[in-house]
C-alpha atoms as a PDB file:
ATOM      1  CA  MET A   1      47.440  33.762 201.064  1.00  0.00           C
ATOM      2  CA  GLU A   2      46.893  33.681 197.324  1.00  0.00           C
ATOM      3  CA  SER A   3      46.450  36.773 195.147  1.00  0.00           C
ATOM      4  CA  GLU A   4      45.496  37.246 191.477  1.00  0.00           C
ATOM      5  CA  ASN A   5      45.172  40.401 189.346  1.00  0.00           C
ATOM      6  CA  TYR A   6      42.909  40.967 186.351  1.00  0.00           C
ATOM      7  CA  SER A   7      42.789  44.139 184.263  1.00  0.00           C
ATOM      8  CA  TYR A   8      40.129  45.375 181.848  1.00  0.00           C
ATOM      9  CA  GLU A   9      39.887  48.869 180.342  1.00  0.00           C
ATOM     10  CA  LYS A  10      39.831  51.318 183.285  1.00  0.00           C
ATOM     11  CA  ILE A  11      39.357  48.821 186.132  1.00  0.00           C
ATOM     12  CA  ILE A  12      41.696  46.452 187.984  1.00  0.00           C
ATOM     13  CA  LEU A  13      40.303  43.438 189.865  1.00  0.00           C
ATOM     14  CA  THR A  14      42.404  41.827 192.569  1.00  0.00           C
ATOM     15  CA  LYS A  15      41.327  38.533 194.121  1.00  0.00           C
ATOM     16  CA  THR A  16      42.845  37.514 197.452  1.00  0.00           C
ATOM     17  CA  VAL A  17      42.086  34.182 199.103  1.00  0.00           C
ATOM     18  CA  ASP A  18      42.786  33.991 202.818  1.00  0.00           C
ATOM     19  CA  CYS A  19      42.099  31.234 205.318  1.00  0.00           C
ATOM     20  CA  THR A  20      39.072  33.177 206.620  1.00  0.00           C
ATOM     21  CA  CYS A  21      37.659  34.992 203.577  1.00  0.00           C
ATOM     22  CA  ILE A  22      37.729  35.673 199.858  1.00  0.00           C
ATOM     23  CA  LYS A  23      38.400  39.337 199.043  1.00  0.00           C
ATOM     24  CA  PHE A  24      37.747  41.050 195.724  1.00  0.00           C
ATOM     25  CA  GLU A  25      39.115  44.551 195.234  1.00  0.00           C
ATOM     26  CA  ILE A  26      38.059  46.635 192.243  1.00  0.00           C
ATOM     27  CA  GLU A  27      39.708  49.979 191.662  1.00  0.00           C
ATOM     28  CA  LYS A  28      40.061  52.711 189.062  1.00  0.00           C
ATOM     29  CA  PRO A  29      43.850  53.181 188.885  1.00  0.00           C
ATOM     30  CA  ASN A  30      43.742  56.253 186.624  1.00  0.00           C
ATOM     31  CA  PHE A  31      41.721  58.377 189.060  1.00  0.00           C
ATOM     32  CA  LYS A  32      43.931  60.920 190.820  1.00  0.00           C
ATOM     33  CA  PRO A  33      42.105  63.404 193.103  1.00  0.00           C
ATOM     34  CA  ILE A  34      44.767  66.076 192.626  1.00  0.00           C
ATOM     35  CA  ASN A  35      44.350  65.988 188.818  1.00  0.00           C
ATOM     36  CA  PHE A  36      40.584  66.253 189.223  1.00  0.00           C
ATOM     37  CA  ILE A  37      40.922  69.238 191.585  1.00  0.00           C
ATOM     38  CA  ILE A  38      43.429  71.025 189.318  1.00  0.00           C
ATOM     39  CA  LYS A  39      41.156  70.680 186.267  1.00  0.00           C
ATOM     40  CA  GLN A  40      38.162  71.956 188.210  1.00  0.00           C
ATOM     41  CA  SER A  41      40.181  74.831 189.725  1.00  0.00           C
ATOM     42  CA  LEU A  42      41.246  75.991 186.273  1.00  0.00           C
ATOM     43  CA  THR A  43      37.597  75.980 185.231  1.00  0.00           C
ATOM     44  CA  ILE A  44      36.688  78.040 188.308  1.00  0.00           C
ATOM     45  CA  ILE A  45      39.424  80.602 187.545  1.00  0.00           C
ATOM     46  CA  VAL A  46      38.331  80.946 183.910  1.00  0.00           C
ATOM     47  CA  LEU A  47      34.692  81.275 185.009  1.00  0.00           C
ATOM     48  CA  PHE A  48      35.624  83.923 187.585  1.00  0.00           C
ATOM     49  CA  PHE A  49      37.558  86.097 185.133  1.00  0.00           C
ATOM     50  CA  ALA A  50      34.956  85.627 182.388  1.00  0.00           C
ATOM     51  CA  CYS A  51      32.205  86.961 184.662  1.00  0.00           C
ATOM     52  CA  LEU A  52      34.334  89.677 186.299  1.00  0.00           C
ATOM     53  CA  PRO A  53      33.329  92.450 183.838  1.00  0.00           C
ATOM     54  CA  TRP A  54      29.649  92.003 184.798  1.00  0.00           C
ATOM     55  CA  ASN A  55      29.900  92.186 188.558  1.00  0.00           C
ATOM     56  CA  ILE A  56      32.342  91.017 191.221  1.00  0.00           C
ATOM     57  CA  LYS A  57      29.502  89.556 193.330  1.00  0.00           C
ATOM     58  CA  ILE A  58      28.240  87.442 190.448  1.00  0.00           C
ATOM     59  CA  SER A  59      31.782  86.220 189.726  1.00  0.00           C
ATOM     60  CA  LEU A  60      32.367  85.252 193.356  1.00  0.00           C
ATOM     61  CA  PHE A  61      28.968  83.572 193.594  1.00  0.00           C
ATOM     62  CA  LEU A  62      29.512  81.490 190.451  1.00  0.00           C
ATOM     63  CA  ALA A  63      33.036  80.520 191.547  1.00  0.00           C
ATOM     64  CA  LEU A  64      31.707  79.468 194.967  1.00  0.00           C
ATOM     65  CA  MET A  65      28.864  77.445 193.438  1.00  0.00           C
ATOM     66  CA  PHE A  66      31.227  75.686 191.059  1.00  0.00           C
ATOM     67  CA  SER A  67      33.576  74.914 193.988  1.00  0.00           C
ATOM     68  CA  VAL A  68      30.703  73.293 195.890  1.00  0.00           C
ATOM     69  CA  TYR A  69      29.777  71.337 192.751  1.00  0.00           C
ATOM     70  CA  THR A  70      33.406  70.162 192.413  1.00  0.00           C
ATOM     71  CA  PHE A  71      33.495  68.901 196.003  1.00  0.00           C
ATOM     72  CA  ALA A  72      30.131  67.160 195.630  1.00  0.00           C
ATOM     73  CA  ARG A  73      31.268  65.473 192.427  1.00  0.00           C
ATOM     74  CA  LEU A  74      34.557  64.368 194.001  1.00  0.00           C
ATOM     75  CA  ASN A  75      32.689  63.011 197.020  1.00  0.00           C
ATOM     76  CA  SER A  76      30.247  61.047 194.848  1.00  0.00           C
ATOM     77  CA  THR A  77      32.957  59.419 192.702  1.00  0.00           C
ATOM     78  CA  ILE A  78      33.761  55.889 193.881  1.00  0.00           C
ATOM     79  CA  VAL A  79      37.390  55.005 193.160  1.00  0.00           C
ATOM     80  CA  LYS A  80      37.665  51.620 194.901  1.00  0.00           C
ATOM     81  CA  GLU A  81      35.289  48.903 196.081  1.00  0.00           C
ATOM     82  CA  GLU A  82      36.093  45.810 198.100  1.00  0.00           C
ATOM     83  CA  LEU A  83      33.954  42.726 198.689  1.00  0.00           C
ATOM     84  CA  PHE A  84      34.713  40.356 201.548  1.00  0.00           C
ATOM     85  CA  PHE A  85      32.986  36.984 201.375  1.00  0.00           C
ATOM     86  CA  ILE A  86      33.307  35.397 204.810  1.00  0.00           C
ATOM     87  CA  PRO A  87      31.831  31.861 205.031  1.00  0.00           C
ATOM     88  CA  THR A  88      29.095  31.453 207.679  1.00  0.00           C
ATOM     89  CA  VAL A  89      29.363  35.156 208.621  1.00  0.00           C
ATOM     90  CA  GLY A  90      28.284  37.174 205.575  1.00  0.00           C
ATOM     91  CA  VAL A  91      29.342  39.651 202.933  1.00  0.00           C
ATOM     92  CA  GLN A  92      30.911  43.051 203.566  1.00  0.00           C
ATOM     93  CA  GLU A  93      31.123  45.751 200.909  1.00  0.00           C
ATOM     94  CA  LEU A  94      33.550  48.649 201.385  1.00  0.00           C
ATOM     95  CA  SER A  95      33.406  51.647 199.012  1.00  0.00           C
ATOM     96  CA  THR A  96      36.075  54.357 198.952  1.00  0.00           C
ATOM     97  CA  ARG A  97      35.170  57.719 197.451  1.00  0.00           C
ATOM     98  CA  GLY A  98      37.350  60.357 195.785  1.00  0.00           C
ATOM     99  CA  THR A  99      37.602  62.384 198.998  1.00  0.00           C
ATOM    100  CA  GLY A 100      38.741  59.331 200.974  1.00  0.00           C
ATOM    101  CA  ARG A 101      35.376  58.747 202.671  1.00  0.00           C
ATOM    102  CA  LYS A 102      34.556  55.070 203.167  1.00  0.00           C
ATOM    103  CA  ASP A 103      31.108  53.474 203.200  1.00  0.00           C
ATOM    104  CA  ILE A 104      30.630  49.986 204.649  1.00  0.00           C
ATOM    105  CA  LYS A 105      27.653  47.702 204.119  1.00  0.00           C
ATOM    106  CA  PHE A 106      27.283  44.286 205.720  1.00  0.00           C
ATOM    107  CA  TYR A 107      24.863  41.489 204.812  1.00  0.00           C
ATOM    108  CA  ALA A 108      24.503  38.650 207.331  1.00  0.00           C
ATOM    109  CA  HIS A 109      24.862  35.079 206.061  1.00  0.00           C
ATOM    110  CA  ASN A 110      21.497  33.960 207.452  1.00  0.00           C
ATOM    111  CA  GLN A 111      19.701  36.684 205.431  1.00  0.00           C
ATOM    112  CA  ILE A 112      21.419  35.851 202.104  1.00  0.00           C
ATOM    113  CA  LYS A 113      19.499  33.334 200.038  1.00  0.00           C
ATOM    114  CA  GLN A 114      21.377  33.492 196.747  1.00  0.00           C
ATOM    115  CA  LEU A 115      24.006  35.356 194.750  1.00  0.00           C
ATOM    116  CA  ILE A 116      22.856  36.311 191.243  1.00  0.00           C
ATOM    117  CA  ILE A 117      23.939  38.360 188.232  1.00  0.00           C
ATOM    118  CA  SER A 118      21.180  40.741 187.192  1.00  0.00           C
ATOM    119  CA  GLU A 119      20.958  42.925 184.117  1.00  0.00           C
ATOM    120  CA  SER A 120      19.369  46.268 183.434  1.00  0.00           C
ATOM    121  CA  VAL A 121      18.795  47.827 180.045  1.00  0.00           C
ATOM    122  CA  SER A 122      19.547  51.488 179.530  1.00  0.00           C
ATOM    123  CA  THR A 123      18.969  53.514 176.374  1.00  0.00           C
ATOM    124  CA  LEU A 124      21.827  52.034 174.389  1.00  0.00           C
ATOM    125  CA  LYS A 125      23.573  49.600 176.708  1.00  0.00           C
ATOM    126  CA  VAL A 126      23.052  46.677 179.032  1.00  0.00           C
ATOM    127  CA  ILE A 127      24.523  46.929 182.524  1.00  0.00           C
ATOM    128  CA  PHE A 128      25.150  43.813 184.605  1.00  0.00           C
ATOM    129  CA  TYR A 129      25.068  43.823 188.404  1.00  0.00           C
ATOM    130  CA  LEU A 130      26.152  41.311 190.996  1.00  0.00           C
ATOM    131  CA  CYS A 131      23.264  41.080 193.459  1.00  0.00           C
ATOM    132  CA  LEU A 132      22.461  39.371 196.730  1.00  0.00           C
ATOM    133  CA  LEU A 133      18.955  38.008 197.128  1.00  0.00           C
ATOM    134  CA  CYS A 134      18.234  38.676 200.809  1.00  0.00           C
ATOM    135  CA  GLU A 135      15.317  37.899 203.052  1.00  0.00           C
ATOM    136  CA  ASN A 136      14.444  40.417 205.768  1.00  0.00           C
ATOM    137  CA  GLU A 137      12.662  39.889 209.103  1.00  0.00           C
ATOM    138  CA  SER A 138       9.188  40.001 207.549  1.00  0.00           C
ATOM    139  CA  GLN A 139      10.078  37.233 205.051  1.00  0.00           C
ATOM    140  CA  LYS A 140      10.235  39.662 202.098  1.00  0.00           C
ATOM    141  CA  MET A 141      12.840  39.006 199.446  1.00  0.00           C
ATOM    142  CA  MET A 142      15.002  41.993 198.539  1.00  0.00           C
ATOM    143  CA  LEU A 143      17.592  42.448 195.816  1.00  0.00           C
ATOM    144  CA  ARG A 144      20.820  44.111 197.077  1.00  0.00           C
ATOM    145  CA  PRO A 145      23.129  45.186 194.224  1.00  0.00           C
ATOM    146  CA  LEU A 146      26.876  45.065 194.873  1.00  0.00           C
ATOM    147  CA  LEU A 147      29.679  47.075 193.226  1.00  0.00           C
ATOM    148  CA  ASN A 148      27.410  49.917 192.064  1.00  0.00           C
ATOM    149  CA  GLY A 149      30.162  52.504 191.907  1.00  0.00           C
ATOM    150  CA  THR A 150      32.679  50.745 189.690  1.00  0.00           C
ATOM    151  CA  LYS A 151      30.215  48.737 187.571  1.00  0.00           C
ATOM    152  CA  PRO A 152      32.650  46.000 186.501  1.00  0.00           C
ATOM    153  CA  LYS A 153      32.134  44.167 183.216  1.00  0.00           C
ATOM    154  CA  LEU A 154      30.315  40.848 182.955  1.00  0.00           C
ATOM    155  CA  ASP A 155      33.600  38.874 182.821  1.00  0.00           C
ATOM    156  CA  PHE A 156      34.586  40.149 186.279  1.00  0.00           C
ATOM    157  CA  LEU A 157      31.111  39.481 187.669  1.00  0.00           C
ATOM    158  CA  LYS A 158      31.194  35.905 186.353  1.00  0.00           C
ATOM    159  CA  LEU A 159      34.574  35.364 188.007  1.00  0.00           C
ATOM    160  CA  ILE A 160      33.289  36.630 191.358  1.00  0.00           C
ATOM    161  CA  TYR A 161      30.094  34.585 190.998  1.00  0.00           C
ATOM    162  CA  GLN A 162      31.952  31.342 190.190  1.00  0.00           C
ATOM    163  CA  GLU A 163      34.302  31.793 193.140  1.00  0.00           C
ATOM    164  CA  THR A 164      31.662  32.639 195.747  1.00  0.00           C
ATOM    165  CA  ASN A 165      28.278  31.207 194.753  1.00  0.00           C
ATOM    166  CA  ASN A 166      28.873  27.948 196.648  1.00  0.00           C
ATOM    167  CA  LEU A 167      29.086  29.888 199.949  1.00  0.00           C
ATOM    168  CA  PHE A 168      25.322  30.472 199.993  1.00  0.00           C
ATOM    169  CA  LYS A 169      23.995  26.951 199.363  1.00  0.00           C
END
């Protein structure tokens, strides 16, 4: 079992080669749920006391709404993503959210036609994605982006592409 670590800005990439698969783990090491909750709780307390002179019901309502917003934001924040490339079986993507919830996606090897790096242009920046070109049952080609939550830089995507592209030929 061989393991390598790469670090860039706010993301750490760990590559592990096993006898059965190649695993890439991308995580945001600076994200701490407790720090996030404390900051949001302080905002809720300030909001509550700021609105208290108006009406207690309005203060409670705004504090409750901001609490729901905090939970939704924590649940939508992806803190770690893992890609498992298993030869002749497929690709599994595991995403871990700020609340600890895990989402798993699996793409079968016989549906994957190619691994590509795609780019999208936003207002002032270019974002690169690692994508699987898959074919479904009705022979339609579909683009399946990987690592949407962490959005690693192009250098990391090139590394993953070079290590795994030969699995789909």
